[in-house]
PDB file of N, CA and C in Angstrom:
ATOM      1  N   MET A   1     -57.518  -7.611  14.490  1.00  0.00           N
ATOM      2  CA  MET A   1     -57.582  -8.205  13.207  1.00  0.00           C
ATOM      3  C   MET A   1     -56.299  -7.770  12.685  1.00  0.00           C
ATOM      4  N   LYS A   2     -56.464  -6.656  12.478  1.00  0.00           N
ATOM      5  CA  LYS A   2     -55.763  -5.304  11.909  1.00  0.00           C
ATOM      6  C   LYS A   2     -53.819  -5.786  13.256  1.00  0.00           C
ATOM      7  N   PHE A   3     -54.057  -5.798  13.995  1.00  0.00           N
ATOM      8  CA  PHE A   3     -53.142  -6.257  14.876  1.00  0.00           C
ATOM      9  C   PHE A   3     -52.516  -7.416  14.517  1.00  0.00           C
ATOM     10  N   LYS A   4     -53.123  -8.342  13.796  1.00  0.00           N
ATOM     11  CA  LYS A   4     -52.812  -9.905  14.001  1.00  0.00           C
ATOM     12  C   LYS A   4     -51.890  -9.601  12.991  1.00  0.00           C
ATOM     13  N   ILE A   5     -52.371  -9.656  11.853  1.00  0.00           N
ATOM     14  CA  ILE A   5     -51.988  -9.176  10.156  1.00  0.00           C
ATOM     15  C   ILE A   5     -50.899  -8.670  10.576  1.00  0.00           C
ATOM     16  N   LEU A   6     -50.483  -7.540  11.219  1.00  0.00           N
ATOM     17  CA  LEU A   6     -49.285  -6.668  10.875  1.00  0.00           C
ATOM     18  C   LEU A   6     -48.345  -7.481  11.815  1.00  0.00           C
ATOM     19  N   GLY A   7     -48.966  -8.370  13.001  1.00  0.00           N
ATOM     20  CA  GLY A   7     -47.973  -8.699  13.577  1.00  0.00           C
ATOM     21  C   GLY A   7     -47.206  -9.792  12.658  1.00  0.00           C
ATOM     22  N   MET A   8     -47.961 -10.500  12.120  1.00  0.00           N
ATOM     23  CA  MET A   8     -48.032 -11.813  11.135  1.00  0.00           C
ATOM     24  C   MET A   8     -46.388 -10.865   9.753  1.00  0.00           C
ATOM     25  N   VAL A   9     -46.797  -9.642   9.429  1.00  0.00           N
ATOM     26  CA  VAL A   9     -45.765  -9.012   8.460  1.00  0.00           C
ATOM     27  C   VAL A   9     -44.577  -9.013   8.980  1.00  0.00           C
ATOM     28  N   PHE A  10     -44.744  -8.614  10.541  1.00  0.00           N
ATOM     29  CA  PHE A  10     -43.568  -8.254  10.686  1.00  0.00           C
ATOM     30  C   PHE A  10     -42.905  -9.712  11.017  1.00  0.00           C
ATOM     31  N   LEU A  11     -43.352 -10.697  11.814  1.00  0.00           N
ATOM     32  CA  LEU A  11     -42.799 -12.024  11.993  1.00  0.00           C
ATOM     33  C   LEU A  11     -41.880 -12.411  10.927  1.00  0.00           C
ATOM     34  N   ALA A  12     -42.773 -12.925   9.855  1.00  0.00           N
ATOM     35  CA  ALA A  12     -42.111 -13.413   7.930  1.00  0.00           C
ATOM     36  C   ALA A  12     -41.105 -12.319   7.775  1.00  0.00           C
ATOM     37  N   ALA A  13     -40.631 -11.194   8.142  1.00  0.00           N
ATOM     38  CA  ALA A  13     -40.135  -9.948   7.767  1.00  0.00           C
ATOM     39  C   ALA A  13     -38.851 -10.353   8.471  1.00  0.00           C
ATOM     40  N   GLY A  14     -39.009 -10.995   9.639  1.00  0.00           N
ATOM     41  CA  GLY A  14     -37.984 -11.314  10.797  1.00  0.00           C
ATOM     42  C   GLY A  14     -37.256 -12.621  10.681  1.00  0.00           C
ATOM     43  N   PHE A  15     -38.379 -13.307  10.227  1.00  0.00           N
ATOM     44  CA  PHE A  15     -38.015 -15.110   9.973  1.00  0.00           C
ATOM     45  C   PHE A  15     -36.587 -14.523   8.401  1.00  0.00           C
ATOM     46  N   LEU A  16     -37.264 -13.804   7.414  1.00  0.00           N
ATOM     47  CA  LEU A  16     -36.655 -14.330   6.033  1.00  0.00           C
ATOM     48  C   LEU A  16     -35.674 -12.976   6.486  1.00  0.00           C
ATOM     49  N   ALA A  17     -35.162 -11.964   7.167  1.00  0.00           N
ATOM     50  CA  ALA A  17     -34.366 -11.178   7.053  1.00  0.00           C
ATOM     51  C   ALA A  17     -32.635 -12.527   7.598  1.00  0.00           C
ATOM     52  N   GLY A  18     -33.428 -13.186   8.956  1.00  0.00           N
ATOM     53  CA  GLY A  18     -32.960 -14.157   9.940  1.00  0.00           C
ATOM     54  C   GLY A  18     -32.703 -15.727   8.711  1.00  0.00           C
ATOM     55  N   CYS A  19     -33.082 -15.311   7.823  1.00  0.00           N
ATOM     56  CA  CYS A  19     -32.236 -16.432   6.955  1.00  0.00           C
ATOM     57  C   CYS A  19     -31.411 -15.832   5.879  1.00  0.00           C
ATOM     58  N   ASN A  20     -31.081 -14.714   5.574  1.00  0.00           N
ATOM     59  CA  ASN A  20     -30.182 -13.664   4.843  1.00  0.00           C
ATOM     60  C   ASN A  20     -28.951 -13.463   5.362  1.00  0.00           C
ATOM     61  N   SER A  21     -28.695 -14.068   7.013  1.00  0.00           N
ATOM     62  CA  SER A  21     -27.375 -13.278   7.324  1.00  0.00           C
ATOM     63  C   SER A  21     -26.929 -14.186   7.252  1.00  0.00           C
ATOM     64  N   GLY A  22     -26.232 -14.691   6.433  1.00  0.00           N
ATOM     65  CA  GLY A  22     -24.808 -15.923   6.027  1.00  0.00           C
ATOM     66  C   GLY A  22     -23.296 -14.924   5.692  1.00  0.00           C
ATOM     67  N   ASP A  23     -22.934 -15.999   5.921  1.00  0.00           N
ATOM     68  CA  ASP A  23     -21.632 -15.174   6.570  1.00  0.00           C
ATOM     69  C   ASP A  23     -21.232 -14.849   4.997  1.00  0.00           C
ATOM     70  N   ASN A  24     -20.832 -13.745   4.874  1.00  0.00           N
ATOM     71  CA  ASN A  24     -19.993 -13.428   3.310  1.00  0.00           C
ATOM     72  C   ASN A  24     -19.252 -12.520   3.127  1.00  0.00           C
ATOM     73  N   THR A  25     -18.342 -12.665   4.323  1.00  0.00           N
ATOM     74  CA  THR A  25     -16.808 -12.373   4.685  1.00  0.00           C
ATOM     75  C   THR A  25     -15.941 -13.539   3.559  1.00  0.00           C
ATOM     76  N   ALA A  26     -16.516 -15.163   3.007  1.00  0.00           N
ATOM     77  CA  ALA A  26     -15.434 -15.560   2.835  1.00  0.00           C
ATOM     78  C   ALA A  26     -14.895 -15.166   1.372  1.00  0.00           C
ATOM     79  N   GLU A  27     -15.262 -14.751   0.351  1.00  0.00           N
ATOM     80  CA  GLU A  27     -15.460 -13.957  -1.044  1.00  0.00           C
ATOM     81  C   GLU A  27     -14.348 -13.178  -0.896  1.00  0.00           C
ATOM     82  N   PRO A  28     -14.258 -11.548  -0.002  1.00  0.00           N
ATOM     83  CA  PRO A  28     -13.082 -11.469  -0.272  1.00  0.00           C
ATOM     84  C   PRO A  28     -12.300 -11.205   0.960  1.00  0.00           C
ATOM     85  N   GLU A  29     -11.824 -13.011   1.518  1.00  0.00           N
ATOM     86  CA  GLU A  29     -10.935 -13.110   1.920  1.00  0.00           C
ATOM     87  C   GLU A  29      -9.809 -13.940   1.652  1.00  0.00           C
ATOM     88  N   LYS A  30     -10.954 -15.124   0.762  1.00  0.00           N
ATOM     89  CA  LYS A  30     -10.278 -15.163  -0.072  1.00  0.00           C
ATOM     90  C   LYS A  30      -9.344 -15.162  -1.603  1.00  0.00           C
ATOM     91  N   GLN A  31      -9.972 -13.492  -1.307  1.00  0.00           N
ATOM     92  CA  GLN A  31      -9.410 -12.740  -2.972  1.00  0.00           C
ATOM     93  C   GLN A  31      -8.175 -11.551  -2.517  1.00  0.00           C
ATOM     94  N   MET A  32      -8.544 -11.341  -0.732  1.00  0.00           N
ATOM     95  CA  MET A  32      -7.228 -11.295  -0.785  1.00  0.00           C
ATOM     96  C   MET A  32      -5.791 -12.190  -0.417  1.00  0.00           C
ATOM     97  N   GLN A  33      -6.160 -13.853   0.042  1.00  0.00           N
ATOM     98  CA  GLN A  33      -5.420 -14.390  -0.196  1.00  0.00           C
ATOM     99  C   GLN A  33      -4.777 -14.889  -1.411  1.00  0.00           C
ATOM    100  N   ASN A  34      -5.522 -14.591  -2.488  1.00  0.00           N
ATOM    101  CA  ASN A  34      -4.716 -14.691  -3.937  1.00  0.00           C
ATOM    102  C   ASN A  34      -3.755 -13.669  -3.835  1.00  0.00           C
ATOM    103  N   ILE A  35      -4.558 -12.541  -3.661  1.00  0.00           N
ATOM    104  CA  ILE A  35      -3.283 -11.053  -3.630  1.00  0.00           C
ATOM    105  C   ILE A  35      -2.076 -11.051  -3.098  1.00  0.00           C
ATOM    106  N   LYS A  36      -2.016 -11.820  -1.529  1.00  0.00           N
ATOM    107  CA  LYS A  36      -1.054 -12.080  -1.234  1.00  0.00           C
ATOM    108  C   LYS A  36       0.330 -13.121  -1.720  1.00  0.00           C
ATOM    109  N   GLU A  37      -0.485 -13.786  -2.780  1.00  0.00           N
ATOM    110  CA  GLU A  37      -0.089 -14.790  -3.113  1.00  0.00           C
ATOM    111  C   GLU A  37       0.806 -14.515  -4.343  1.00  0.00           C
ATOM    112  N   LEU A  38      -0.159 -13.754  -4.873  1.00  0.00           N
ATOM    113  CA  LEU A  38       0.533 -12.905  -5.909  1.00  0.00           C
ATOM    114  C   LEU A  38       1.501 -12.004  -5.629  1.00  0.00           C
ATOM    115  N   VAL A  39       1.464 -10.996  -4.526  1.00  0.00           N
ATOM    116  CA  VAL A  39       2.550 -10.798  -3.639  1.00  0.00           C
ATOM    117  C   VAL A  39       4.118 -10.957  -3.746  1.00  0.00           C
ATOM    118  N   SER A  40       3.652 -12.974  -3.320  1.00  0.00           N
ATOM    119  CA  SER A  40       4.546 -13.449  -2.459  1.00  0.00           C
ATOM    120  C   SER A  40       5.225 -14.037  -4.322  1.00  0.00           C
ATOM    121  N   ASP A  41       4.296 -14.133  -5.105  1.00  0.00           N
ATOM    122  CA  ASP A  41       5.183 -14.879  -6.328  1.00  0.00           C
ATOM    123  C   ASP A  41       6.151 -14.199  -7.128  1.00  0.00           C
ATOM    124  N   TYR A  42       5.604 -12.981  -7.482  1.00  0.00           N
ATOM    125  CA  TYR A  42       6.438 -12.071  -7.684  1.00  0.00           C
ATOM    126  C   TYR A  42       7.686 -11.367  -7.503  1.00  0.00           C
ATOM    127  N   SER A  43       7.171 -11.624  -6.100  1.00  0.00           N
ATOM    128  CA  SER A  43       8.901 -10.958  -4.584  1.00  0.00           C
ATOM    129  C   SER A  43      10.172 -12.150  -4.878  1.00  0.00           C
ATOM    130  N   THR A  44       9.318 -13.407  -5.629  1.00  0.00           N
ATOM    131  CA  THR A  44      10.396 -14.087  -5.181  1.00  0.00           C
ATOM    132  C   THR A  44      10.772 -14.984  -6.954  1.00  0.00           C
ATOM    133  N   GLY A  45      10.371 -14.618  -7.625  1.00  0.00           N
ATOM    134  CA  GLY A  45      10.437 -14.607  -9.279  1.00  0.00           C
ATOM    135  C   GLY A  45       9.915 -15.755  -9.254  1.00  0.00           C
ATOM    136  N   LYS A  46       8.733 -16.587  -8.973  1.00  0.00           N
ATOM    137  CA  LYS A  46       8.217 -17.798  -9.297  1.00  0.00           C
ATOM    138  C   LYS A  46       7.585 -16.844 -10.732  1.00  0.00           C
ATOM    139  N   ILE A  47       7.056 -15.917 -10.893  1.00  0.00           N
ATOM    140  CA  ILE A  47       6.113 -15.493 -12.234  1.00  0.00           C
ATOM    141  C   ILE A  47       6.945 -14.698 -13.156  1.00  0.00           C
ATOM    142  N   GLU A  48       6.950 -15.141 -14.170  1.00  0.00           N
ATOM    143  CA  GLU A  48       8.064 -14.336 -15.508  1.00  0.00           C
ATOM    144  C   GLU A  48       6.886 -14.069 -16.150  1.00  0.00           C
ATOM    145  N   GLY A  49       7.023 -12.699 -17.139  1.00  0.00           N
ATOM    146  CA  GLY A  49       6.924 -11.861 -18.227  1.00  0.00           C
ATOM    147  C   GLY A  49       5.959 -10.763 -17.998  1.00  0.00           C
ATOM    148  N   ASN A  50       5.824 -11.207 -17.029  1.00  0.00           N
ATOM    149  CA  ASN A  50       4.738  -9.385 -16.752  1.00  0.00           C
ATOM    150  C   ASN A  50       5.545  -8.925 -15.661  1.00  0.00           C
ATOM    151  N   THR A  51       4.863  -7.327 -15.704  1.00  0.00           N
ATOM    152  CA  THR A  51       5.305  -6.614 -14.923  1.00  0.00           C
ATOM    153  C   THR A  51       4.641  -6.639 -13.701  1.00  0.00           C
ATOM    154  N   ALA A  52       5.246  -6.525 -12.338  1.00  0.00           N
ATOM    155  CA  ALA A  52       4.126  -5.725 -11.237  1.00  0.00           C
ATOM    156  C   ALA A  52       4.929  -4.531 -10.233  1.00  0.00           C
ATOM    157  N   SER A  53       4.375  -3.821  -9.654  1.00  0.00           N
ATOM    158  CA  SER A  53       4.323  -2.944  -8.806  1.00  0.00           C
ATOM    159  C   SER A  53       3.179  -2.577  -7.928  1.00  0.00           C
ATOM    160  N   ILE A  54       3.654  -2.155  -6.827  1.00  0.00           N
ATOM    161  CA  ILE A  54       3.032  -2.705  -5.344  1.00  0.00           C
ATOM    162  C   ILE A  54       3.159  -0.630  -4.961  1.00  0.00           C
ATOM    163  N   THR A  55       2.408  -0.713  -3.991  1.00  0.00           N
ATOM    164  CA  THR A  55       1.964   0.613  -3.559  1.00  0.00           C
ATOM    165  C   THR A  55       1.138   0.216  -2.191  1.00  0.00           C
ATOM    166  N   ALA A  56       1.012   1.499  -1.781  1.00  0.00           N
ATOM    167  CA  ALA A  56       0.147   0.871  -0.212  1.00  0.00           C
ATOM    168  C   ALA A  56      -1.240   0.726  -0.585  1.00  0.00           C
ATOM    169  N   LYS A  57      -2.117   1.270  -1.639  1.00  0.00           N
ATOM    170  CA  LYS A  57      -3.328   0.849  -1.806  1.00  0.00           C
ATOM    171  C   LYS A  57      -3.595  -0.135  -2.660  1.00  0.00           C
ATOM    172  N   GLU A  58      -2.619  -0.529  -3.912  1.00  0.00           N
ATOM    173  CA  GLU A  58      -2.754  -1.764  -4.940  1.00  0.00           C
ATOM    174  C   GLU A  58      -1.709  -2.405  -5.447  1.00  0.00           C
ATOM    175  N   LEU A  59      -2.056  -3.150  -6.446  1.00  0.00           N
ATOM    176  CA  LEU A  59      -1.451  -3.728  -7.153  1.00  0.00           C
ATOM    177  C   LEU A  59      -1.450  -3.501  -8.371  1.00  0.00           C
ATOM    178  N   VAL A  60      -0.122  -3.640  -9.190  1.00  0.00           N
ATOM    179  CA  VAL A  60      -0.832  -3.372 -10.508  1.00  0.00           C
ATOM    180  C   VAL A  60       0.260  -4.341 -11.119  1.00  0.00           C
ATOM    181  N   ILE A  61      -0.282  -5.334 -11.702  1.00  0.00           N
ATOM    182  CA  ILE A  61       0.058  -6.173 -13.164  1.00  0.00           C
ATOM    183  C   ILE A  61      -0.047  -5.934 -14.093  1.00  0.00           C
ATOM    184  N   ALA A  62       1.044  -5.927 -15.172  1.00  0.00           N
ATOM    185  CA  ALA A  62       0.822  -5.444 -16.782  1.00  0.00           C
ATOM    186  C   ALA A  62       1.886  -6.626 -17.782  1.00  0.00           C
ATOM    187  N   ASP A  63       1.161  -7.378 -18.587  1.00  0.00           N
ATOM    188  CA  ASP A  63       1.573  -7.837 -19.620  1.00  0.00           C
ATOM    189  C   ASP A  63       2.626  -7.027 -20.505  1.00  0.00           C
ATOM    190  N   LYS A  64       2.859  -8.348 -21.454  1.00  0.00           N
ATOM    191  CA  LYS A  64       3.876  -7.284 -22.374  1.00  0.00           C
ATOM    192  C   LYS A  64       3.145  -6.588 -23.195  1.00  0.00           C
ATOM    193  N   ALA A  65       2.256  -7.192 -23.729  1.00  0.00           N
ATOM    194  CA  ALA A  65       1.137  -5.837 -24.786  1.00  0.00           C
ATOM    195  C   ALA A  65       0.648  -4.671 -23.597  1.00  0.00           C
ATOM    196  N   GLY A  66       0.877  -4.159 -22.463  1.00  0.00           N
ATOM    197  CA  GLY A  66       0.653  -3.361 -21.635  1.00  0.00           C
ATOM    198  C   GLY A  66      -0.497  -3.309 -21.119  1.00  0.00           C
ATOM    199  N   ASN A  67      -1.250  -4.267 -21.167  1.00  0.00           N
ATOM    200  CA  ASN A  67      -2.806  -4.886 -20.301  1.00  0.00           C
ATOM    201  C   ASN A  67      -2.602  -4.758 -18.791  1.00  0.00           C
ATOM    202  N   LYS A  68      -3.284  -3.999 -17.976  1.00  0.00           N
ATOM    203  CA  LYS A  68      -3.044  -3.724 -16.586  1.00  0.00           C
ATOM    204  C   LYS A  68      -4.208  -4.672 -16.440  1.00  0.00           C
ATOM    205  N   GLN A  69      -3.750  -5.283 -14.772  1.00  0.00           N
ATOM    206  CA  GLN A  69      -4.422  -5.623 -13.764  1.00  0.00           C
ATOM    207  C   GLN A  69      -4.245  -4.750 -12.644  1.00  0.00           C
ATOM    208  N   VAL A  70      -5.379  -4.370 -11.609  1.00  0.00           N
ATOM    209  CA  VAL A  70      -4.906  -3.931 -10.611  1.00  0.00           C
ATOM    210  C   VAL A  70      -6.024  -4.540  -9.517  1.00  0.00           C
ATOM    211  N   TYR A  71      -5.044  -4.695  -8.555  1.00  0.00           N
ATOM    212  CA  TYR A  71      -6.551  -5.308  -6.863  1.00  0.00           C
ATOM    213  C   TYR A  71      -5.853  -4.327  -6.268  1.00  0.00           C
ATOM    214  N   ASP A  72      -7.275  -3.788  -5.351  1.00  0.00           N
ATOM    215  CA  ASP A  72      -7.007  -3.035  -4.127  1.00  0.00           C
ATOM    216  C   ASP A  72      -6.717  -4.111  -2.945  1.00  0.00           C
ATOM    217  N   ILE A  73      -5.903  -3.471  -2.248  1.00  0.00           N
ATOM    218  CA  ILE A  73      -5.132  -3.998  -1.147  1.00  0.00           C
ATOM    219  C   ILE A  73      -5.971  -3.322  -0.160  1.00  0.00           C
ATOM    220  N   SER A  74      -6.094  -4.421   0.813  1.00  0.00           N
ATOM    221  CA  SER A  74      -7.048  -3.760   2.210  1.00  0.00           C
ATOM    222  C   SER A  74      -6.207  -2.514   2.829  1.00  0.00           C
ATOM    223  N   ALA A  75      -7.521  -1.896   3.911  1.00  0.00           N
ATOM    224  CA  ALA A  75      -6.322  -1.529   4.170  1.00  0.00           C
ATOM    225  C   ALA A  75      -5.607  -2.053   5.878  1.00  0.00           C
ATOM    226  N   GLU A  76      -5.969  -2.797   5.841  1.00  0.00           N
ATOM    227  CA  GLU A  76      -5.173  -3.626   7.174  1.00  0.00           C
ATOM    228  C   GLU A  76      -4.162  -4.473   6.835  1.00  0.00           C
ATOM    229  N   ASP A  77      -3.903  -3.860   5.410  1.00  0.00           N
ATOM    230  CA  ASP A  77      -2.534  -4.572   5.248  1.00  0.00           C
ATOM    231  C   ASP A  77      -1.380  -3.995   4.757  1.00  0.00           C
ATOM    232  N   PHE A  78      -0.482  -4.304   4.691  1.00  0.00           N
ATOM    233  CA  PHE A  78       0.453  -3.334   3.767  1.00  0.00           C
ATOM    234  C   PHE A  78       1.668  -4.661   3.378  1.00  0.00           C
ATOM    235  N   PHE A  79       2.600  -3.793   2.054  1.00  0.00           N
ATOM    236  CA  PHE A  79       3.527  -4.443   1.609  1.00  0.00           C
ATOM    237  C   PHE A  79       5.074  -3.754   2.256  1.00  0.00           C
ATOM    238  N   VAL A  80       5.709  -4.585   2.288  1.00  0.00           N
ATOM    239  CA  VAL A  80       7.635  -4.020   3.025  1.00  0.00           C
ATOM    240  C   VAL A  80       8.585  -4.514   2.123  1.00  0.00           C
ATOM    241  N   SER A  81       9.010  -3.741   1.562  1.00  0.00           N
ATOM    242  CA  SER A  81      10.311  -4.305   0.649  1.00  0.00           C
ATOM    243  C   SER A  81      11.489  -4.109   1.264  1.00  0.00           C
ATOM    244  N   ILE A  82      12.106  -4.764   1.702  1.00  0.00           N
ATOM    245  CA  ILE A  82      13.490  -4.504   2.562  1.00  0.00           C
ATOM    246  C   ILE A  82      14.805  -4.949   1.308  1.00  0.00           C
ATOM    247  N   ALA A  83      15.400  -4.163   0.702  1.00  0.00           N
ATOM    248  CA  ALA A  83      16.462  -4.517   0.032  1.00  0.00           C
ATOM    249  C   ALA A  83      17.774  -4.700   0.559  1.00  0.00           C
ATOM    250  N   PRO A  84      18.147  -5.776   0.497  1.00  0.00           N
ATOM    251  CA  PRO A  84      20.195  -5.548   1.163  1.00  0.00           C
ATOM    252  C   PRO A  84      20.647  -4.827   0.128  1.00  0.00           C
ATOM    253  N   TYR A  85      21.514  -4.061   0.430  1.00  0.00           N
ATOM    254  CA  TYR A  85      22.386  -3.497  -0.596  1.00  0.00           C
ATOM    255  C   TYR A  85      23.702  -3.320   0.131  1.00  0.00           C
ATOM    256  N   GLU A  86      25.183  -3.455  -1.007  1.00  0.00           N
ATOM    257  CA  GLU A  86      26.541  -2.648  -0.348  1.00  0.00           C
ATOM    258  C   GLU A  86      26.473  -1.700  -1.362  1.00  0.00           C
ATOM    259  N   ASN A  87      26.070  -1.248  -2.204  1.00  0.00           N
ATOM    260  CA  ASN A  87      26.609  -0.998  -3.577  1.00  0.00           C
ATOM    261  C   ASN A  87      25.214   0.378  -4.337  1.00  0.00           C
ATOM    262  N   GLN A  88      24.317  -0.750  -4.269  1.00  0.00           N
ATOM    263  CA  GLN A  88      22.777  -0.214  -4.675  1.00  0.00           C
ATOM    264  C   GLN A  88      21.721  -0.845  -4.083  1.00  0.00           C
ATOM    265  N   THR A  89      20.568  -0.775  -4.552  1.00  0.00           N
ATOM    266  CA  THR A  89      19.202  -1.595  -3.424  1.00  0.00           C
ATOM    267  C   THR A  89      18.630  -2.602  -4.325  1.00  0.00           C
ATOM    268  N   HIS A  90      18.757  -2.200  -5.895  1.00  0.00           N
ATOM    269  CA  HIS A  90      18.545  -3.352  -6.999  1.00  0.00           C
ATOM    270  C   HIS A  90      19.043  -3.461  -8.254  1.00  0.00           C
ATOM    271  N   PRO A  91      19.506  -4.899  -8.344  1.00  0.00           N
ATOM    272  CA  PRO A  91      20.347  -5.340  -9.677  1.00  0.00           C
ATOM    273  C   PRO A  91      19.665  -4.408 -10.172  1.00  0.00           C
TER     274      PRO A  91
END
């Protein structure tokens, strides 16, 4: 009798664990896509009024009041800035 109850408990636990195995990767992928769009928009000048800087690990956006938003960049992605120059790299 104890084995039947114990077996039912394990069966129920396995069933509940299987029900919870949904795909939780959609939200981080969506957030990463938004970060890529932000980088693109700041790089092309579509967004003005804020300042943005990017490092190997984060994108930092600051408004005129100095409030900062920091976005983590995954280890799988990177940003390369290539600035053509003749006499200087940036205007």
